[in-house]
Amino acid sequence: MAEDHGPQIKNDEQYEELRDQGMSKEKAARIANDPNSGEKGGKAEKYEDRTKEELYEKAKELGIEGRSEMSKDQLIKALRNH
């Protein structure tokens, strides 16, 4: 069981884990007190479900070179490795 860090820390267990990872007290407290910090990430559409044009635009946005010559599979790989 996590130590009680007082009313200023909303999620003592998460705070301790973050401190164990080497975060500062301030940063760990900020994250542990954020009500959305434990939620799953975004709901972005899978790369495989996007069109080649959508993947190309994302690659352009990220500045991936050689994108105009890439196939859909190559664009997916490049985006994942960026």
PDB file of N, CA and C in Angstrom:
ATOM      1  N   MET A   1       0.835  -1.186   0.000  1.00  0.00           N
ATOM      2  CA  MET A   1       0.000   0.000   0.000  1.00  0.00           C
ATOM      3  C   MET A   1       0.880   1.249   0.000  1.00  0.00           C
ATOM      4  N   ALA A   2       0.443   2.244  -0.743  1.00  0.00           N
ATOM      5  CA  ALA A   2       1.212   3.477  -0.871  1.00  0.00           C
ATOM      6  C   ALA A   2       1.138   4.307   0.401  1.00  0.00           C
ATOM      7  N   GLU A   3       2.220   4.990   0.666  1.00  0.00           N
ATOM      8  CA  GLU A   3       2.279   5.894   1.814  1.00  0.00           C
ATOM      9  C   GLU A   3       1.349   7.078   1.556  1.00  0.00           C
ATOM     10  N   ASP A   4       0.724   7.598   2.594  1.00  0.00           N
ATOM     11  CA  ASP A   4      -0.151   8.760   2.455  1.00  0.00           C
ATOM     12  C   ASP A   4       0.721  10.011   2.419  1.00  0.00           C
ATOM     13  N   HIS A   5       0.667  10.714   1.297  1.00  0.00           N
ATOM     14  CA  HIS A   5       1.485  11.915   1.128  1.00  0.00           C
ATOM     15  C   HIS A   5       0.706  13.187   1.444  1.00  0.00           C
ATOM     16  N   GLY A   6      -0.435  13.023   2.077  1.00  0.00           N
ATOM     17  CA  GLY A   6      -1.239  14.172   2.477  1.00  0.00           C
ATOM     18  C   GLY A   6      -2.261  14.555   1.416  1.00  0.00           C
ATOM     19  N   PRO A   7      -3.091  15.541   1.729  1.00  0.00           N
ATOM     20  CA  PRO A   7      -4.183  15.926   0.830  1.00  0.00           C
ATOM     21  C   PRO A   7      -3.714  16.574  -0.480  1.00  0.00           C
ATOM     22  N   GLN A   8      -2.473  17.041  -0.516  1.00  0.00           N
ATOM     23  CA  GLN A   8      -1.979  17.683  -1.735  1.00  0.00           C
ATOM     24  C   GLN A   8      -1.689  16.694  -2.859  1.00  0.00           C
ATOM     25  N   ILE A   9      -1.557  15.398  -2.539  1.00  0.00           N
ATOM     26  CA  ILE A   9      -1.327  14.356  -3.547  1.00  0.00           C
ATOM     27  C   ILE A   9      -2.604  13.523  -3.659  1.00  0.00           C
ATOM     28  N   LYS A  10      -3.198  13.512  -4.863  1.00  0.00           N
ATOM     29  CA  LYS A  10      -4.473  12.817  -5.064  1.00  0.00           C
ATOM     30  C   LYS A  10      -4.306  11.318  -5.289  1.00  0.00           C
ATOM     31  N   ASN A  11      -3.190  10.906  -5.899  1.00  0.00           N
ATOM     32  CA  ASN A  11      -2.962   9.489  -6.195  1.00  0.00           C
ATOM     33  C   ASN A  11      -1.589   9.104  -5.646  1.00  0.00           C
ATOM     34  N   ASP A  12      -1.565   8.675  -4.394  1.00  0.00           N
ATOM     35  CA  ASP A  12      -0.298   8.365  -3.715  1.00  0.00           C
ATOM     36  C   ASP A  12       0.486   7.258  -4.419  1.00  0.00           C
ATOM     37  N   GLU A  13      -0.211   6.216  -4.868  1.00  0.00           N
ATOM     38  CA  GLU A  13       0.467   5.084  -5.513  1.00  0.00           C
ATOM     39  C   GLU A  13       1.161   5.523  -6.807  1.00  0.00           C
ATOM     40  N   GLN A  14       0.464   6.288  -7.637  1.00  0.00           N
ATOM     41  CA  GLN A  14       1.062   6.773  -8.883  1.00  0.00           C
ATOM     42  C   GLN A  14       2.225   7.718  -8.580  1.00  0.00           C
ATOM     43  N   TYR A  15       2.071   8.572  -7.573  1.00  0.00           N
ATOM     44  CA  TYR A  15       3.123   9.496  -7.177  1.00  0.00           C
ATOM     45  C   TYR A  15       4.402   8.733  -6.817  1.00  0.00           C
ATOM     46  N   GLU A  16       4.268   7.677  -6.006  1.00  0.00           N
ATOM     47  CA  GLU A  16       5.436   6.883  -5.605  1.00  0.00           C
ATOM     48  C   GLU A  16       6.096   6.205  -6.799  1.00  0.00           C
ATOM     49  N   GLU A  17       5.292   5.674  -7.718  1.00  0.00           N
ATOM     50  CA  GLU A  17       5.856   5.027  -8.909  1.00  0.00           C
ATOM     51  C   GLU A  17       6.655   6.029  -9.738  1.00  0.00           C
ATOM     52  N   LEU A  18       6.112   7.226  -9.897  1.00  0.00           N
ATOM     53  CA  LEU A  18       6.802   8.258 -10.672  1.00  0.00           C
ATOM     54  C   LEU A  18       8.092   8.695  -9.991  1.00  0.00           C
ATOM     55  N   ARG A  19       8.061   8.822  -8.684  1.00  0.00           N
ATOM     56  CA  ARG A  19       9.275   9.188  -7.938  1.00  0.00           C
ATOM     57  C   ARG A  19      10.334   8.100  -8.065  1.00  0.00           C
ATOM     58  N   ASP A  20       9.890   6.813  -8.027  1.00  0.00           N
ATOM     59  CA  ASP A  20      10.820   5.690  -8.195  1.00  0.00           C
ATOM     60  C   ASP A  20      11.471   5.700  -9.577  1.00  0.00           C
ATOM     61  N   GLN A  21      10.764   6.261 -10.560  1.00  0.00           N
ATOM     62  CA  GLN A  21      11.298   6.358 -11.923  1.00  0.00           C
ATOM     63  C   GLN A  21      12.262   7.541 -12.062  1.00  0.00           C
ATOM     64  N   GLY A  22      12.397   8.324 -11.002  1.00  0.00           N
ATOM     65  CA  GLY A  22      13.365   9.413 -11.010  1.00  0.00           C
ATOM     66  C   GLY A  22      12.786  10.793 -11.261  1.00  0.00           C
ATOM     67  N   MET A  23      11.472  10.917 -11.301  1.00  0.00           N
ATOM     68  CA  MET A  23      10.871  12.235 -11.521  1.00  0.00           C
ATOM     69  C   MET A  23      10.997  13.097 -10.279  1.00  0.00           C
ATOM     70  N   SER A  24      11.029  14.401 -10.518  1.00  0.00           N
ATOM     71  CA  SER A  24      11.077  15.339  -9.393  1.00  0.00           C
ATOM     72  C   SER A  24       9.759  15.277  -8.635  1.00  0.00           C
ATOM     73  N   LYS A  25       9.785  15.764  -7.400  1.00  0.00           N
ATOM     74  CA  LYS A  25       8.566  15.781  -6.585  1.00  0.00           C
ATOM     75  C   LYS A  25       7.477  16.598  -7.266  1.00  0.00           C
ATOM     76  N   GLU A  26       7.869  17.735  -7.846  1.00  0.00           N
ATOM     77  CA  GLU A  26       6.893  18.615  -8.478  1.00  0.00           C
ATOM     78  C   GLU A  26       6.232  17.960  -9.677  1.00  0.00           C
ATOM     79  N   LYS A  27       7.038  17.345 -10.543  1.00  0.00           N
ATOM     80  CA  LYS A  27       6.491  16.714 -11.743  1.00  0.00           C
ATOM     81  C   LYS A  27       5.636  15.503 -11.377  1.00  0.00           C
ATOM     82  N   ALA A  28       6.101  14.696 -10.439  1.00  0.00           N
ATOM     83  CA  ALA A  28       5.336  13.521 -10.005  1.00  0.00           C
ATOM     84  C   ALA A  28       4.000  13.945  -9.403  1.00  0.00           C
ATOM     85  N   ALA A  29       4.002  15.009  -8.618  1.00  0.00           N
ATOM     86  CA  ALA A  29       2.767  15.503  -7.999  1.00  0.00           C
ATOM     87  C   ALA A  29       1.809  16.023  -9.068  1.00  0.00           C
ATOM     88  N   ARG A  30       2.344  16.743 -10.044  1.00  0.00           N
ATOM     89  CA  ARG A  30       1.512  17.296 -11.114  1.00  0.00           C
ATOM     90  C   ARG A  30       0.801  16.177 -11.884  1.00  0.00           C
ATOM     91  N   ILE A  31       1.532  15.124 -12.196  1.00  0.00           N
ATOM     92  CA  ILE A  31       0.956  13.997 -12.932  1.00  0.00           C
ATOM     93  C   ILE A  31      -0.025  13.226 -12.051  1.00  0.00           C
ATOM     94  N   ALA A  32       0.357  12.946 -10.825  1.00  0.00           N
ATOM     95  CA  ALA A  32      -0.500  12.177  -9.914  1.00  0.00           C
ATOM     96  C   ALA A  32      -1.790  12.914  -9.574  1.00  0.00           C
ATOM     97  N   ASN A  33      -1.785  14.224  -9.668  1.00  0.00           N
ATOM     98  CA  ASN A  33      -2.974  15.014  -9.360  1.00  0.00           C
ATOM     99  C   ASN A  33      -3.849  15.274 -10.581  1.00  0.00           C
ATOM    100  N   ASP A  34      -3.391  14.897 -11.768  1.00  0.00           N
ATOM    101  CA  ASP A  34      -4.172  15.088 -12.988  1.00  0.00           C
ATOM    102  C   ASP A  34      -5.196  13.965 -13.100  1.00  0.00           C
ATOM    103  N   PRO A  35      -6.482  14.281 -13.105  1.00  0.00           N
ATOM    104  CA  PRO A  35      -7.499  13.229 -13.146  1.00  0.00           C
ATOM    105  C   PRO A  35      -7.476  12.408 -14.434  1.00  0.00           C
ATOM    106  N   ASN A  36      -6.850  12.903 -15.491  1.00  0.00           N
ATOM    107  CA  ASN A  36      -6.788  12.181 -16.761  1.00  0.00           C
ATOM    108  C   ASN A  36      -5.493  11.404 -16.952  1.00  0.00           C
ATOM    109  N   SER A  37      -4.582  11.456 -15.998  1.00  0.00           N
ATOM    110  CA  SER A  37      -3.259  10.870 -16.195  1.00  0.00           C
ATOM    111  C   SER A  37      -3.260   9.353 -16.290  1.00  0.00           C
ATOM    112  N   GLY A  38      -4.263   8.685 -15.765  1.00  0.00           N
ATOM    113  CA  GLY A  38      -4.295   7.230 -15.812  1.00  0.00           C
ATOM    114  C   GLY A  38      -5.121   6.683 -16.962  1.00  0.00           C
ATOM    115  N   GLU A  39      -5.708   7.570 -17.763  1.00  0.00           N
ATOM    116  CA  GLU A  39      -6.569   7.130 -18.847  1.00  0.00           C
ATOM    117  C   GLU A  39      -5.771   6.678 -20.056  1.00  0.00           C
ATOM    118  N   LYS A  40      -6.398   5.828 -20.841  1.00  0.00           N
ATOM    119  CA  LYS A  40      -5.782   5.325 -22.067  1.00  0.00           C
ATOM    120  C   LYS A  40      -5.632   6.467 -23.053  1.00  0.00           C
ATOM    121  N   GLY A  41      -4.691   6.314 -23.964  1.00  0.00           N
ATOM    122  CA  GLY A  41      -4.390   7.343 -24.953  1.00  0.00           C
ATOM    123  C   GLY A  41      -5.518   7.638 -25.913  1.00  0.00           C
ATOM    124  N   GLY A  42      -5.177   8.361 -26.971  1.00  0.00           N
ATOM    125  CA  GLY A  42      -6.148   8.828 -27.945  1.00  0.00           C
ATOM    126  C   GLY A  42      -6.834   7.724 -28.723  1.00  0.00           C
ATOM    127  N   LYS A  43      -7.741   8.139 -29.539  1.00  0.00           N
ATOM    128  CA  LYS A  43      -8.550   7.205 -30.317  1.00  0.00           C
ATOM    129  C   LYS A  43      -8.233   7.342 -31.807  1.00  0.00           C
ATOM    130  N   ALA A  44      -6.985   7.541 -32.136  1.00  0.00           N
ATOM    131  CA  ALA A  44      -6.598   7.723 -33.531  1.00  0.00           C
ATOM    132  C   ALA A  44      -6.882   6.469 -34.344  1.00  0.00           C
ATOM    133  N   GLU A  45      -7.251   6.697 -35.590  1.00  0.00           N
ATOM    134  CA  GLU A  45      -7.507   5.605 -36.519  1.00  0.00           C
ATOM    135  C   GLU A  45      -6.201   4.868 -36.821  1.00  0.00           C
ATOM    136  N   LYS A  46      -6.273   3.554 -36.934  1.00  0.00           N
ATOM    137  CA  LYS A  46      -5.083   2.764 -37.238  1.00  0.00           C
ATOM    138  C   LYS A  46      -4.533   3.160 -38.597  1.00  0.00           C
ATOM    139  N   TYR A  47      -3.216   3.135 -38.740  1.00  0.00           N
ATOM    140  CA  TYR A  47      -2.594   3.475 -40.016  1.00  0.00           C
ATOM    141  C   TYR A  47      -3.135   2.599 -41.148  1.00  0.00           C
ATOM    142  N   GLU A  48      -3.354   1.316 -40.873  1.00  0.00           N
ATOM    143  CA  GLU A  48      -3.823   0.397 -41.908  1.00  0.00           C
ATOM    144  C   GLU A  48      -5.211   0.762 -42.431  1.00  0.00           C
ATOM    145  N   ASP A  49      -5.993   1.460 -41.608  1.00  0.00           N
ATOM    146  CA  ASP A  49      -7.349   1.852 -42.002  1.00  0.00           C
ATOM    147  C   ASP A  49      -7.388   3.184 -42.746  1.00  0.00           C
ATOM    148  N   ARG A  50      -6.250   3.861 -42.845  1.00  0.00           N
ATOM    149  CA  ARG A  50      -6.186   5.144 -43.536  1.00  0.00           C
ATOM    150  C   ARG A  50      -5.829   4.940 -45.007  1.00  0.00           C
ATOM    151  N   THR A  51      -6.162   5.929 -45.810  1.00  0.00           N
ATOM    152  CA  THR A  51      -5.800   5.868 -47.225  1.00  0.00           C
ATOM    153  C   THR A  51      -4.325   6.232 -47.386  1.00  0.00           C
ATOM    154  N   LYS A  52      -3.783   5.881 -48.534  1.00  0.00           N
ATOM    155  CA  LYS A  52      -2.380   6.229 -48.816  1.00  0.00           C
ATOM    156  C   LYS A  52      -2.218   7.749 -48.790  1.00  0.00           C
ATOM    157  N   GLU A  53      -3.211   8.473 -49.294  1.00  0.00           N
ATOM    158  CA  GLU A  53      -3.149   9.935 -49.310  1.00  0.00           C
ATOM    159  C   GLU A  53      -3.112  10.497 -47.890  1.00  0.00           C
ATOM    160  N   GLU A  54      -3.913   9.926 -46.979  1.00  0.00           N
ATOM    161  CA  GLU A  54      -3.901  10.373 -45.581  1.00  0.00           C
ATOM    162  C   GLU A  54      -2.542  10.109 -44.934  1.00  0.00           C
ATOM    163  N   LEU A  55      -1.982   8.939 -45.237  1.00  0.00           N
ATOM    164  CA  LEU A  55      -0.655   8.605 -44.701  1.00  0.00           C
ATOM    165  C   LEU A  55       0.403   9.542 -45.257  1.00  0.00           C
ATOM    166  N   TYR A  56       0.293   9.851 -46.545  1.00  0.00           N
ATOM    167  CA  TYR A  56       1.234  10.770 -47.189  1.00  0.00           C
ATOM    168  C   TYR A  56       1.178  12.148 -46.513  1.00  0.00           C
ATOM    169  N   GLU A  57      -0.029  12.639 -46.259  1.00  0.00           N
ATOM    170  CA  GLU A  57      -0.187  13.946 -45.611  1.00  0.00           C
ATOM    171  C   GLU A  57       0.403  13.952 -44.203  1.00  0.00           C
ATOM    172  N   LYS A  58       0.231  12.855 -43.477  1.00  0.00           N
ATOM    173  CA  LYS A  58       0.812  12.754 -42.130  1.00  0.00           C
ATOM    174  C   LYS A  58       2.340  12.741 -42.223  1.00  0.00           C
ATOM    175  N   ALA A  59       2.863  11.995 -43.194  1.00  0.00           N
ATOM    176  CA  ALA A  59       4.313  11.941 -43.395  1.00  0.00           C
ATOM    177  C   ALA A  59       4.851  13.321 -43.783  1.00  0.00           C
ATOM    178  N   LYS A  60       4.098  14.047 -44.595  1.00  0.00           N
ATOM    179  CA  LYS A  60       4.485  15.403 -44.995  1.00  0.00           C
ATOM    180  C   LYS A  60       4.520  16.317 -43.778  1.00  0.00           C
ATOM    181  N   GLU A  61       3.495  16.207 -42.942  1.00  0.00           N
ATOM    182  CA  GLU A  61       3.399  16.999 -41.710  1.00  0.00           C
ATOM    183  C   GLU A  61       4.606  16.748 -40.799  1.00  0.00           C
ATOM    184  N   LEU A  62       5.082  15.502 -40.774  1.00  0.00           N
ATOM    185  CA  LEU A  62       6.212  15.134 -39.916  1.00  0.00           C
ATOM    186  C   LEU A  62       7.564  15.335 -40.597  1.00  0.00           C
ATOM    187  N   GLY A  63       7.543  15.695 -41.874  1.00  0.00           N
ATOM    188  CA  GLY A  63       8.788  15.951 -42.594  1.00  0.00           C
ATOM    189  C   GLY A  63       9.554  14.696 -42.965  1.00  0.00           C
ATOM    190  N   ILE A  64       8.854  13.607 -43.232  1.00  0.00           N
ATOM    191  CA  ILE A  64       9.511  12.359 -43.616  1.00  0.00           C
ATOM    192  C   ILE A  64       9.944  12.469 -45.070  1.00  0.00           C
ATOM    193  N   GLU A  65      11.247  12.316 -45.299  1.00  0.00           N
ATOM    194  CA  GLU A  65      11.788  12.450 -46.645  1.00  0.00           C
ATOM    195  C   GLU A  65      11.545  11.187 -47.461  1.00  0.00           C
ATOM    196  N   GLY A  66      11.383  11.368 -48.771  1.00  0.00           N
ATOM    197  CA  GLY A  66      11.173  10.248 -49.675  1.00  0.00           C
ATOM    198  C   GLY A  66       9.743   9.734 -49.694  1.00  0.00           C
ATOM    199  N   ARG A  67       8.843  10.450 -49.056  1.00  0.00           N
ATOM    200  CA  ARG A  67       7.462   9.976 -48.924  1.00  0.00           C
ATOM    201  C   ARG A  67       6.736   9.845 -50.257  1.00  0.00           C
ATOM    202  N   SER A  68       7.092  10.668 -51.229  1.00  0.00           N
ATOM    203  CA  SER A  68       6.385  10.631 -52.516  1.00  0.00           C
ATOM    204  C   SER A  68       6.657   9.344 -53.285  1.00  0.00           C
ATOM    205  N   GLU A  69       7.750   8.673 -52.975  1.00  0.00           N
ATOM    206  CA  GLU A  69       8.101   7.429 -53.655  1.00  0.00           C
ATOM    207  C   GLU A  69       7.671   6.184 -52.881  1.00  0.00           C
ATOM    208  N   MET A  70       7.070   6.371 -51.701  1.00  0.00           N
ATOM    209  CA  MET A  70       6.757   5.239 -50.829  1.00  0.00           C
ATOM    210  C   MET A  70       5.395   4.626 -51.126  1.00  0.00           C
ATOM    211  N   SER A  71       5.311   3.320 -50.924  1.00  0.00           N
ATOM    212  CA  SER A  71       4.035   2.612 -50.995  1.00  0.00           C
ATOM    213  C   SER A  71       3.299   2.849 -49.677  1.00  0.00           C
ATOM    214  N   LYS A  72       2.058   2.405 -49.612  1.00  0.00           N
ATOM    215  CA  LYS A  72       1.282   2.547 -48.375  1.00  0.00           C
ATOM    216  C   LYS A  72       1.993   1.841 -47.221  1.00  0.00           C
ATOM    217  N   ASP A  73       2.462   0.619 -47.457  1.00  0.00           N
ATOM    218  CA  ASP A  73       3.162  -0.130 -46.400  1.00  0.00           C
ATOM    219  C   ASP A  73       4.440   0.577 -45.963  1.00  0.00           C
ATOM    220  N   GLN A  74       5.151   1.158 -46.911  1.00  0.00           N
ATOM    221  CA  GLN A  74       6.381   1.885 -46.570  1.00  0.00           C
ATOM    222  C   GLN A  74       6.069   3.146 -45.765  1.00  0.00           C
ATOM    223  N   LEU A  75       4.975   3.824 -46.120  1.00  0.00           N
ATOM    224  CA  LEU A  75       4.565   5.009 -45.364  1.00  0.00           C
ATOM    225  C   LEU A  75       4.226   4.635 -43.925  1.00  0.00           C
ATOM    226  N   ILE A  76       3.499   3.533 -43.756  1.00  0.00           N
ATOM    227  CA  ILE A  76       3.147   3.069 -42.411  1.00  0.00           C
ATOM    228  C   ILE A  76       4.407   2.794 -41.603  1.00  0.00           C
ATOM    229  N   LYS A  77       5.351   2.089 -42.198  1.00  0.00           N
ATOM    230  CA  LYS A  77       6.596   1.765 -41.501  1.00  0.00           C
ATOM    231  C   LYS A  77       7.366   3.040 -41.134  1.00  0.00           C
ATOM    232  N   ALA A  78       7.432   3.982 -42.078  1.00  0.00           N
ATOM    233  CA  ALA A  78       8.156   5.231 -41.824  1.00  0.00           C
ATOM    234  C   ALA A  78       7.486   6.028 -40.701  1.00  0.00           C
ATOM    235  N   LEU A  79       6.150   6.071 -40.701  1.00  0.00           N
ATOM    236  CA  LEU A  79       5.434   6.816 -39.653  1.00  0.00           C
ATOM    237  C   LEU A  79       5.642   6.165 -38.278  1.00  0.00           C
ATOM    238  N   ARG A  80       5.629   4.852 -38.249  1.00  0.00           N
ATOM    239  CA  ARG A  80       5.823   4.160 -36.968  1.00  0.00           C
ATOM    240  C   ARG A  80       7.243   4.318 -36.439  1.00  0.00           C
ATOM    241  N   ASN A  81       8.199   4.468 -37.339  1.00  0.00           N
ATOM    242  CA  ASN A  81       9.599   4.579 -36.914  1.00  0.00           C
ATOM    243  C   ASN A  81      10.050   6.017 -36.736  1.00  0.00           C
ATOM    244  N   HIS A  82       9.165   6.954 -36.999  1.00  0.00           N
ATOM    245  CA  HIS A  82       9.539   8.368 -36.889  1.00  0.00           C
ATOM    246  C   HIS A  82       9.647   8.769 -35.436  1.00  0.00           C
TER     247      HIS A  82
END
